[in-house]
C-alpha atoms as a PDB file:
ATOM      1  CA  MET A   1    -216.215 -47.484 130.422  1.00  0.00           C
ATOM      2  CA  LYS A   2    -219.136 -49.124 128.623  1.00  0.00           C
ATOM      3  CA  VAL A   3    -221.150 -46.794 126.362  1.00  0.00           C
ATOM      4  CA  SER A   4    -224.588 -48.286 127.018  1.00  0.00           C
ATOM      5  CA  SER A   5    -226.261 -50.091 129.941  1.00  0.00           C
ATOM      6  CA  VAL A   6    -228.015 -52.283 127.402  1.00  0.00           C
ATOM      7  CA  ASP A   7    -226.330 -55.613 126.773  1.00  0.00           C
ATOM      8  CA  LEU A   8    -226.912 -56.647 123.190  1.00  0.00           C
ATOM      9  CA  LEU A   9    -225.091 -59.906 123.757  1.00  0.00           C
ATOM     10  CA  GLU A  10    -227.582 -60.866 126.398  1.00  0.00           C
ATOM     11  CA  GLU A  11    -230.441 -60.193 124.055  1.00  0.00           C
ATOM     12  CA  LEU A  12    -228.841 -62.206 121.215  1.00  0.00           C
ATOM     13  CA  ASP A  13    -228.386 -65.197 123.544  1.00  0.00           C
ATOM     14  CA  LYS A  14    -232.136 -65.594 123.629  1.00  0.00           C
ATOM     15  CA  PRO A  15    -233.218 -68.641 121.551  1.00  0.00           C
ATOM     16  CA  ARG A  16    -235.511 -66.663 119.234  1.00  0.00           C
ATOM     17  CA  TYR A  17    -232.566 -64.697 117.901  1.00  0.00           C
ATOM     18  CA  LYS A  18    -230.523 -67.656 116.754  1.00  0.00           C
ATOM     19  CA  PRO A  19    -231.015 -66.812 113.008  1.00  0.00           C
ATOM     20  CA  LEU A  20    -229.490 -63.431 113.743  1.00  0.00           C
ATOM     21  CA  ARG A  21    -226.584 -64.970 115.616  1.00  0.00           C
ATOM     22  CA  ASP A  22    -225.933 -67.338 112.725  1.00  0.00           C
ATOM     23  CA  VAL A  23    -224.851 -64.481 110.401  1.00  0.00           C
ATOM     24  CA  LEU A  24    -222.285 -63.154 112.872  1.00  0.00           C
ATOM     25  CA  ARG A  25    -218.662 -64.264 112.506  1.00  0.00           C
ATOM     26  CA  SER A  26    -215.906 -63.997 115.154  1.00  0.00           C
ATOM     27  CA  ARG A  27    -212.794 -61.969 114.584  1.00  0.00           C
ATOM     28  CA  ARG A  28    -209.982 -61.558 117.145  1.00  0.00           C
ATOM     29  CA  PHE A  29    -207.455 -58.775 117.429  1.00  0.00           C
ATOM     30  CA  THR A  30    -204.504 -58.164 119.679  1.00  0.00           C
ATOM     31  CA  ARG A  31    -204.024 -55.036 121.889  1.00  0.00           C
ATOM     32  CA  LYS A  32    -203.274 -51.836 119.982  1.00  0.00           C
ATOM     33  CA  ALA A  33    -204.234 -53.328 116.579  1.00  0.00           C
ATOM     34  CA  VAL A  34    -206.094 -50.932 114.311  1.00  0.00           C
ATOM     35  CA  VAL A  35    -209.207 -53.005 113.658  1.00  0.00           C
ATOM     36  CA  PHE A  36    -210.831 -50.816 111.054  1.00  0.00           C
ATOM     37  CA  GLU A  37    -209.814 -47.608 109.213  1.00  0.00           C
ATOM     38  CA  PRO A  38    -212.032 -44.786 108.009  1.00  0.00           C
ATOM     39  CA  LEU A  39    -214.470 -45.682 105.231  1.00  0.00           C
ATOM     40  CA  SER A  40    -213.272 -49.302 105.275  1.00  0.00           C
ATOM     41  CA  GLU A  41    -213.913 -51.277 102.151  1.00  0.00           C
ATOM     42  CA  GLU A  42    -215.745 -53.791 104.350  1.00  0.00           C
ATOM     43  CA  ASP A  43    -219.141 -52.378 105.225  1.00  0.00           C
ATOM     44  CA  LEU A  44    -219.751 -54.302 108.474  1.00  0.00           C
ATOM     45  CA  VAL A  45    -221.724 -54.186 111.653  1.00  0.00           C
ATOM     46  CA  PHE A  46    -219.819 -55.397 114.667  1.00  0.00           C
ATOM     47  CA  ILE A  47    -220.649 -56.279 118.215  1.00  0.00           C
ATOM     48  CA  VAL A  48    -217.966 -56.358 120.924  1.00  0.00           C
ATOM     49  CA  LYS A  49    -217.994 -59.816 122.498  1.00  0.00           C
ATOM     50  CA  SER A  50    -214.968 -59.401 124.760  1.00  0.00           C
ATOM     51  CA  GLY A  51    -212.348 -56.746 125.425  1.00  0.00           C
ATOM     52  CA  ARG A  52    -212.700 -53.109 124.397  1.00  0.00           C
ATOM     53  CA  VAL A  53    -212.109 -50.991 121.342  1.00  0.00           C
ATOM     54  CA  ARG A  54    -211.842 -47.169 121.009  1.00  0.00           C
ATOM     55  CA  VAL A  55    -213.469 -45.214 118.233  1.00  0.00           C
ATOM     56  CA  TYR A  56    -211.546 -42.106 117.302  1.00  0.00           C
ATOM     57  CA  LEU A  57    -210.932 -39.421 114.648  1.00  0.00           C
ATOM     58  CA  SER A  58    -207.368 -38.602 113.657  1.00  0.00           C
ATOM     59  CA  TYR A  59    -205.866 -35.622 111.811  1.00  0.00           C
ATOM     60  CA  GLU A  60    -202.091 -35.236 111.553  1.00  0.00           C
ATOM     61  CA  ASP A  61    -200.797 -35.592 115.133  1.00  0.00           C
ATOM     62  CA  LYS A  62    -204.168 -35.030 116.851  1.00  0.00           C
ATOM     63  CA  GLU A  63    -206.748 -37.617 117.941  1.00  0.00           C
ATOM     64  CA  PHE A  64    -210.322 -37.161 119.102  1.00  0.00           C
ATOM     65  CA  CYS A  65    -211.840 -40.169 120.891  1.00  0.00           C
ATOM     66  CA  LEU A  66    -215.568 -40.576 120.358  1.00  0.00           C
ATOM     67  CA  ALA A  67    -216.145 -43.641 122.523  1.00  0.00           C
ATOM     68  CA  VAL A  68    -214.639 -46.699 124.171  1.00  0.00           C
ATOM     69  CA  LEU A  69    -216.862 -49.711 123.367  1.00  0.00           C
ATOM     70  CA  GLY A  70    -217.127 -52.712 125.631  1.00  0.00           C
ATOM     71  CA  PRO A  71    -218.886 -56.094 125.468  1.00  0.00           C
ATOM     72  CA  GLY A  72    -222.405 -55.723 124.088  1.00  0.00           C
ATOM     73  CA  ASP A  73    -221.762 -52.435 122.304  1.00  0.00           C
ATOM     74  CA  VAL A  74    -222.394 -52.191 118.579  1.00  0.00           C
ATOM     75  CA  TYR A  75    -220.883 -50.050 115.819  1.00  0.00           C
ATOM     76  CA  SER A  76    -220.383 -49.887 112.049  1.00  0.00           C
ATOM     77  CA  THR A  77    -217.110 -49.869 110.097  1.00  0.00           C
ATOM     78  CA  HIS A  78    -218.265 -47.669 107.259  1.00  0.00           C
ATOM     79  CA  THR A  79    -217.609 -44.335 108.988  1.00  0.00           C
ATOM     80  CA  ARG A  80    -214.853 -41.683 109.122  1.00  0.00           C
ATOM     81  CA  ALA A  81    -213.520 -43.089 112.351  1.00  0.00           C
ATOM     82  CA  PHE A  82    -210.648 -45.451 113.270  1.00  0.00           C
ATOM     83  CA  VAL A  83    -211.390 -48.446 115.521  1.00  0.00           C
ATOM     84  CA  GLN A  84    -208.492 -49.705 117.640  1.00  0.00           C
ATOM     85  CA  ALA A  85    -208.242 -52.536 120.183  1.00  0.00           C
ATOM     86  CA  VAL A  86    -207.568 -51.167 123.660  1.00  0.00           C
ATOM     87  CA  GLU A  87    -206.882 -54.750 124.779  1.00  0.00           C
ATOM     88  CA  ASP A  88    -207.138 -58.184 123.215  1.00  0.00           C
ATOM     89  CA  VAL A  89    -210.609 -58.172 121.712  1.00  0.00           C
ATOM     90  CA  GLU A  90    -213.146 -60.460 120.046  1.00  0.00           C
ATOM     91  CA  LEU A  91    -215.732 -58.934 117.671  1.00  0.00           C
ATOM     92  CA  LEU A  92    -218.829 -60.488 116.136  1.00  0.00           C
ATOM     93  CA  VAL A  93    -219.139 -59.128 112.610  1.00  0.00           C
ATOM     94  CA  ALA A  94    -221.609 -59.365 109.759  1.00  0.00           C
ATOM     95  CA  PRO A  95    -222.044 -57.456 106.426  1.00  0.00           C
ATOM     96  CA  SER A  96    -224.302 -54.509 107.082  1.00  0.00           C
ATOM     97  CA  ASP A  97    -226.823 -55.384 104.378  1.00  0.00           C
ATOM     98  CA  VAL A  98    -227.093 -59.023 105.635  1.00  0.00           C
ATOM     99  CA  PHE A  99    -227.444 -57.895 109.240  1.00  0.00           C
ATOM    100  CA  ARG A 100    -230.066 -55.329 108.308  1.00  0.00           C
ATOM    101  CA  ARG A 101    -232.161 -57.855 106.316  1.00  0.00           C
ATOM    102  CA  ARG A 102    -232.006 -60.369 109.127  1.00  0.00           C
ATOM    103  CA  MET A 103    -232.892 -57.659 111.662  1.00  0.00           C
ATOM    104  CA  GLU A 104    -236.144 -57.075 109.745  1.00  0.00           C
ATOM    105  CA  GLU A 105    -237.270 -60.497 110.954  1.00  0.00           C
ATOM    106  CA  PHE A 106    -237.031 -59.292 114.547  1.00  0.00           C
ATOM    107  CA  PRO A 107    -238.639 -55.855 114.887  1.00  0.00           C
ATOM    108  CA  GLY A 108    -238.612 -56.192 118.663  1.00  0.00           C
ATOM    109  CA  LEU A 109    -234.827 -56.107 118.603  1.00  0.00           C
ATOM    110  CA  TYR A 110    -234.826 -52.730 116.882  1.00  0.00           C
ATOM    111  CA  THR A 111    -235.789 -51.034 120.125  1.00  0.00           C
ATOM    112  CA  THR A 112    -232.709 -52.491 121.858  1.00  0.00           C
ATOM    113  CA  MET A 113    -230.421 -51.580 118.933  1.00  0.00           C
ATOM    114  CA  ILE A 114    -231.788 -48.017 118.879  1.00  0.00           C
ATOM    115  CA  ARG A 115    -231.081 -47.648 122.620  1.00  0.00           C
ATOM    116  CA  VAL A 116    -227.509 -48.822 122.191  1.00  0.00           C
ATOM    117  CA  LEU A 117    -226.818 -46.520 119.209  1.00  0.00           C
ATOM    118  CA  GLY A 118    -228.634 -43.682 121.006  1.00  0.00           C
ATOM    119  CA  SER A 119    -226.263 -44.093 123.995  1.00  0.00           C
ATOM    120  CA  LEU A 120    -223.308 -43.961 121.642  1.00  0.00           C
ATOM    121  CA  LEU A 121    -224.544 -40.780 119.991  1.00  0.00           C
ATOM    122  CA  GLY A 122    -225.301 -39.229 123.396  1.00  0.00           C
ATOM    123  CA  ARG A 123    -221.822 -40.157 124.591  1.00  0.00           C
ATOM    124  CA  ALA A 124    -220.243 -38.540 121.547  1.00  0.00           C
ATOM    125  CA  LEU A 125    -222.264 -35.322 121.999  1.00  0.00           C
ATOM    126  CA  THR A 126    -221.279 -35.208 125.692  1.00  0.00           C
ATOM    127  CA  ILE A 127    -217.600 -35.455 124.730  1.00  0.00           C
ATOM    128  CA  ILE A 128    -217.947 -32.730 122.138  1.00  0.00           C
ATOM    129  CA  ASP A 129    -219.776 -30.493 124.640  1.00  0.00           C
ATOM    130  CA  SER A 130    -217.072 -31.094 127.237  1.00  0.00           C
ATOM    131  CA  LEU A 131    -214.192 -30.430 124.862  1.00  0.00           C
ATOM    132  CA  ALA A 132    -215.803 -27.166 123.779  1.00  0.00           C
ATOM    133  CA  PHE A 133    -216.819 -25.764 127.112  1.00  0.00           C
ATOM    134  CA  LYS A 134    -215.040 -27.464 129.987  1.00  0.00           C
ATOM    135  CA  LYS A 135    -211.482 -27.698 131.242  1.00  0.00           C
ATOM    136  CA  VAL A 136    -209.876 -31.115 131.177  1.00  0.00           C
ATOM    137  CA  GLY A 137    -209.873 -31.398 134.962  1.00  0.00           C
ATOM    138  CA  LYS A 138    -213.620 -30.983 135.061  1.00  0.00           C
ATOM    139  CA  ARG A 139    -213.965 -33.535 132.178  1.00  0.00           C
ATOM    140  CA  LEU A 140    -211.906 -36.039 134.141  1.00  0.00           C
ATOM    141  CA  LEU A 141    -213.881 -35.590 137.311  1.00  0.00           C
ATOM    142  CA  GLU A 142    -217.202 -35.974 135.489  1.00  0.00           C
ATOM    143  CA  MET A 143    -215.969 -39.133 133.720  1.00  0.00           C
ATOM    144  CA  LEU A 144    -214.827 -40.615 137.033  1.00  0.00           C
ATOM    145  CA  ALA A 145    -218.088 -39.784 138.666  1.00  0.00           C
ATOM    146  CA  GLU A 146    -220.064 -41.350 135.749  1.00  0.00           C
ATOM    147  CA  GLU A 147    -217.953 -44.505 135.800  1.00  0.00           C
ATOM    148  CA  ALA A 148    -218.186 -44.726 139.588  1.00  0.00           C
ATOM    149  CA  GLY A 149    -221.897 -45.191 139.209  1.00  0.00           C
ATOM    150  CA  ARG A 150    -221.196 -48.358 137.271  1.00  0.00           C
ATOM    151  CA  GLY A 151    -218.103 -49.509 139.222  1.00  0.00           C
ATOM    152  CA  ARG A 152    -217.704 -52.509 141.477  1.00  0.00           C
ATOM    153  CA  GLU A 153    -218.539 -51.786 145.120  1.00  0.00           C
ATOM    154  CA  MET A 154    -215.721 -52.846 147.383  1.00  0.00           C
ATOM    155  CA  PRO A 155    -216.010 -54.400 150.889  1.00  0.00           C
ATOM    156  CA  GLU A 156    -214.019 -51.557 152.458  1.00  0.00           C
ATOM    157  CA  GLY A 157    -216.283 -48.984 150.804  1.00  0.00           C
ATOM    158  CA  GLY A 158    -215.806 -47.021 147.638  1.00  0.00           C
ATOM    159  CA  VAL A 159    -215.805 -48.414 144.131  1.00  0.00           C
ATOM    160  CA  LEU A 160    -213.271 -49.978 141.810  1.00  0.00           C
ATOM    161  CA  LEU A 161    -213.140 -49.009 138.095  1.00  0.00           C
ATOM    162  CA  GLU A 162    -211.535 -51.624 135.859  1.00  0.00           C
ATOM    163  CA  TRP A 163    -210.576 -49.406 133.014  1.00  0.00           C
ATOM    164  CA  ASN A 164    -207.334 -51.023 131.772  1.00  0.00           C
ATOM    165  CA  LEU A 165    -206.575 -47.764 129.989  1.00  0.00           C
ATOM    166  CA  THR A 166    -203.031 -46.316 129.904  1.00  0.00           C
ATOM    167  CA  THR A 167    -202.490 -42.665 130.747  1.00  0.00           C
ATOM    168  CA  GLU A 168    -201.958 -41.973 127.048  1.00  0.00           C
ATOM    169  CA  GLN A 169    -205.281 -43.648 126.116  1.00  0.00           C
ATOM    170  CA  LEU A 170    -207.165 -41.812 128.876  1.00  0.00           C
ATOM    171  CA  ALA A 171    -205.632 -38.515 127.650  1.00  0.00           C
ATOM    172  CA  ALA A 172    -206.845 -39.265 124.136  1.00  0.00           C
ATOM    173  CA  VAL A 173    -210.398 -39.936 125.461  1.00  0.00           C
ATOM    174  CA  LEU A 174    -210.429 -36.564 127.240  1.00  0.00           C
ATOM    175  CA  GLY A 175    -208.645 -34.610 124.511  1.00  0.00           C
ATOM    176  CA  THR A 176    -205.519 -33.566 126.314  1.00  0.00           C
ATOM    177  CA  THR A 177    -201.807 -34.554 126.568  1.00  0.00           C
ATOM    178  CA  ARG A 178    -200.356 -37.475 128.454  1.00  0.00           C
ATOM    179  CA  GLN A 179    -198.338 -34.995 130.558  1.00  0.00           C
ATOM    180  CA  THR A 180    -201.438 -33.083 131.680  1.00  0.00           C
ATOM    181  CA  MET A 181    -203.420 -36.277 132.354  1.00  0.00           C
ATOM    182  CA  SER A 182    -200.541 -37.693 134.474  1.00  0.00           C
ATOM    183  CA  SER A 183    -200.417 -34.425 136.503  1.00  0.00           C
ATOM    184  CA  LEU A 184    -204.120 -34.545 137.138  1.00  0.00           C
ATOM    185  CA  MET A 185    -204.235 -38.195 138.141  1.00  0.00           C
ATOM    186  CA  ASN A 186    -201.195 -37.781 140.451  1.00  0.00           C
ATOM    187  CA  SER A 187    -202.869 -34.772 142.093  1.00  0.00           C
ATOM    188  CA  LEU A 188    -206.106 -36.812 142.739  1.00  0.00           C
ATOM    189  CA  SER A 189    -203.982 -39.587 144.184  1.00  0.00           C
ATOM    190  CA  ARG A 190    -202.133 -37.240 146.574  1.00  0.00           C
ATOM    191  CA  GLU A 191    -205.486 -35.830 147.676  1.00  0.00           C
ATOM    192  CA  GLY A 192    -206.755 -39.330 148.466  1.00  0.00           C
ATOM    193  CA  MET A 193    -209.523 -39.072 145.903  1.00  0.00           C
ATOM    194  CA  LEU A 194    -208.336 -42.072 143.937  1.00  0.00           C
ATOM    195  CA  GLU A 195    -205.841 -44.913 144.080  1.00  0.00           C
ATOM    196  CA  LEU A 196    -204.309 -46.741 141.152  1.00  0.00           C
ATOM    197  CA  ARG A 197    -204.528 -50.458 141.606  1.00  0.00           C
ATOM    198  CA  GLY A 198    -202.917 -53.199 139.555  1.00  0.00           C
ATOM    199  CA  LYS A 199    -202.963 -52.825 135.783  1.00  0.00           C
ATOM    200  CA  GLY A 200    -205.548 -50.252 134.846  1.00  0.00           C
ATOM    201  CA  GLY A 201    -207.608 -50.364 138.067  1.00  0.00           C
ATOM    202  CA  VAL A 202    -208.795 -47.127 139.672  1.00  0.00           C
ATOM    203  CA  TYR A 203    -210.140 -47.216 143.219  1.00  0.00           C
ATOM    204  CA  ILE A 204    -212.306 -44.295 144.339  1.00  0.00           C
ATOM    205  CA  PRO A 205    -212.796 -44.229 148.157  1.00  0.00           C
ATOM    206  CA  ASP A 206    -215.541 -41.596 148.182  1.00  0.00           C
ATOM    207  CA  PRO A 207    -217.223 -40.752 144.804  1.00  0.00           C
ATOM    208  CA  ALA A 208    -218.969 -37.760 146.400  1.00  0.00           C
ATOM    209  CA  ARG A 209    -215.590 -35.976 146.636  1.00  0.00           C
ATOM    210  CA  LEU A 210    -215.383 -35.901 142.805  1.00  0.00           C
ATOM    211  CA  ALA A 211    -217.786 -32.999 142.793  1.00  0.00           C
ATOM    212  CA  HIS A 212    -215.013 -30.716 144.011  1.00  0.00           C
ATOM    213  CA  PRO A 213    -211.639 -30.371 142.222  1.00  0.00           C
ATOM    214  CA  PRO A 214    -208.428 -30.232 144.315  1.00  0.00           C
ATOM    215  CA  GLU A 215    -207.073 -26.841 145.102  1.00  0.00           C
ATOM    216  CA  ALA A 216    -203.754 -27.865 143.491  1.00  0.00           C
ATOM    217  CA  TRP A 217    -205.364 -28.001 140.073  1.00  0.00           C
ATOM    218  CA  SER A 218    -205.295 -24.216 139.879  1.00  0.00           C
ATOM    219  CA  ASN A 219    -201.535 -24.528 139.252  1.00  0.00           C
ATOM    220  CA  ILE A 220    -201.856 -27.082 136.455  1.00  0.00           C
ATOM    221  CA  ARG A 221    -201.733 -25.768 132.938  1.00  0.00           C
ATOM    222  CA  HIS A 222    -204.025 -27.750 130.723  1.00  0.00           C
ATOM    223  CA  CYS A 223    -202.600 -28.419 127.237  1.00  0.00           C
ATOM    224  CA  PRO A 224    -204.662 -29.675 124.315  1.00  0.00           C
ATOM    225  CA  PRO A 225    -203.200 -32.482 122.156  1.00  0.00           C
ATOM    226  CA  GLY A 226    -200.566 -31.242 119.787  1.00  0.00           C
ATOM    227  CA  HIS A 227    -199.307 -28.629 122.230  1.00  0.00           C
ATOM    228  CA  SER A 228    -196.614 -28.570 124.891  1.00  0.00           C
ATOM    229  CA  ARG A 229    -196.002 -26.272 127.777  1.00  0.00           C
ATOM    230  CA  SER A 230    -193.775 -24.196 125.599  1.00  0.00           C
ATOM    231  CA  GLY A 231    -196.340 -23.747 122.875  1.00  0.00           C
ATOM    232  CA  PRO A 232    -197.821 -25.599 119.896  1.00  0.00           C
ATOM    233  CA  LYS A 233    -195.773 -28.064 117.951  1.00  0.00           C
ATOM    234  CA  GLU A 234    -194.330 -26.818 114.661  1.00  0.00           C
ATOM    235  CA  LYS A 235    -195.594 -28.435 111.514  1.00  0.00           C
END
């Protein structure tokens, strides 16, 4: 579930960018740790070296996931979003002003950085558009189809997605409840459109089938976060 096809880590490994690598410091966090909170006192730029983090907004009991960042993705801490480790993660961090000054020495890297940040913005806008205009089932199918294009092709055919996301985390990404997400995933499994493998693996035998939702979905009531089948939660 990587945001960008551009691998910033691969670029930074080039010898000419050693001065930029030298300002980056490693920080490690365990799964589920809140890495940064909104408007953090530390104004940092970070690059995901290993593992994944999710970037999300939170208000009372509701969450809105903007992105799940993987190795090579970049983000800033000085925003209104939370950053949480989806799994054990290692980040490369540097103060924003130091990183910016050092970047000025490598104008060629700006293009790569803009592509990465542009992908993040595009992903966030896609999520907002989907939440506003599409049912959660459609959002799930579109996400599966998008990820299938980057998945690992299997010898028996089909593709394997190595998400390592819990049902609850996937529900947060798509702006729905765990109950609704579980119903949708189980329905896709019964229809033979996907198969859950191991811890967080999703096998898709035929990605082309994702273009058509199962008939059973017409009976599933889609609840937004903060609601139950009996109505909204009381405050």
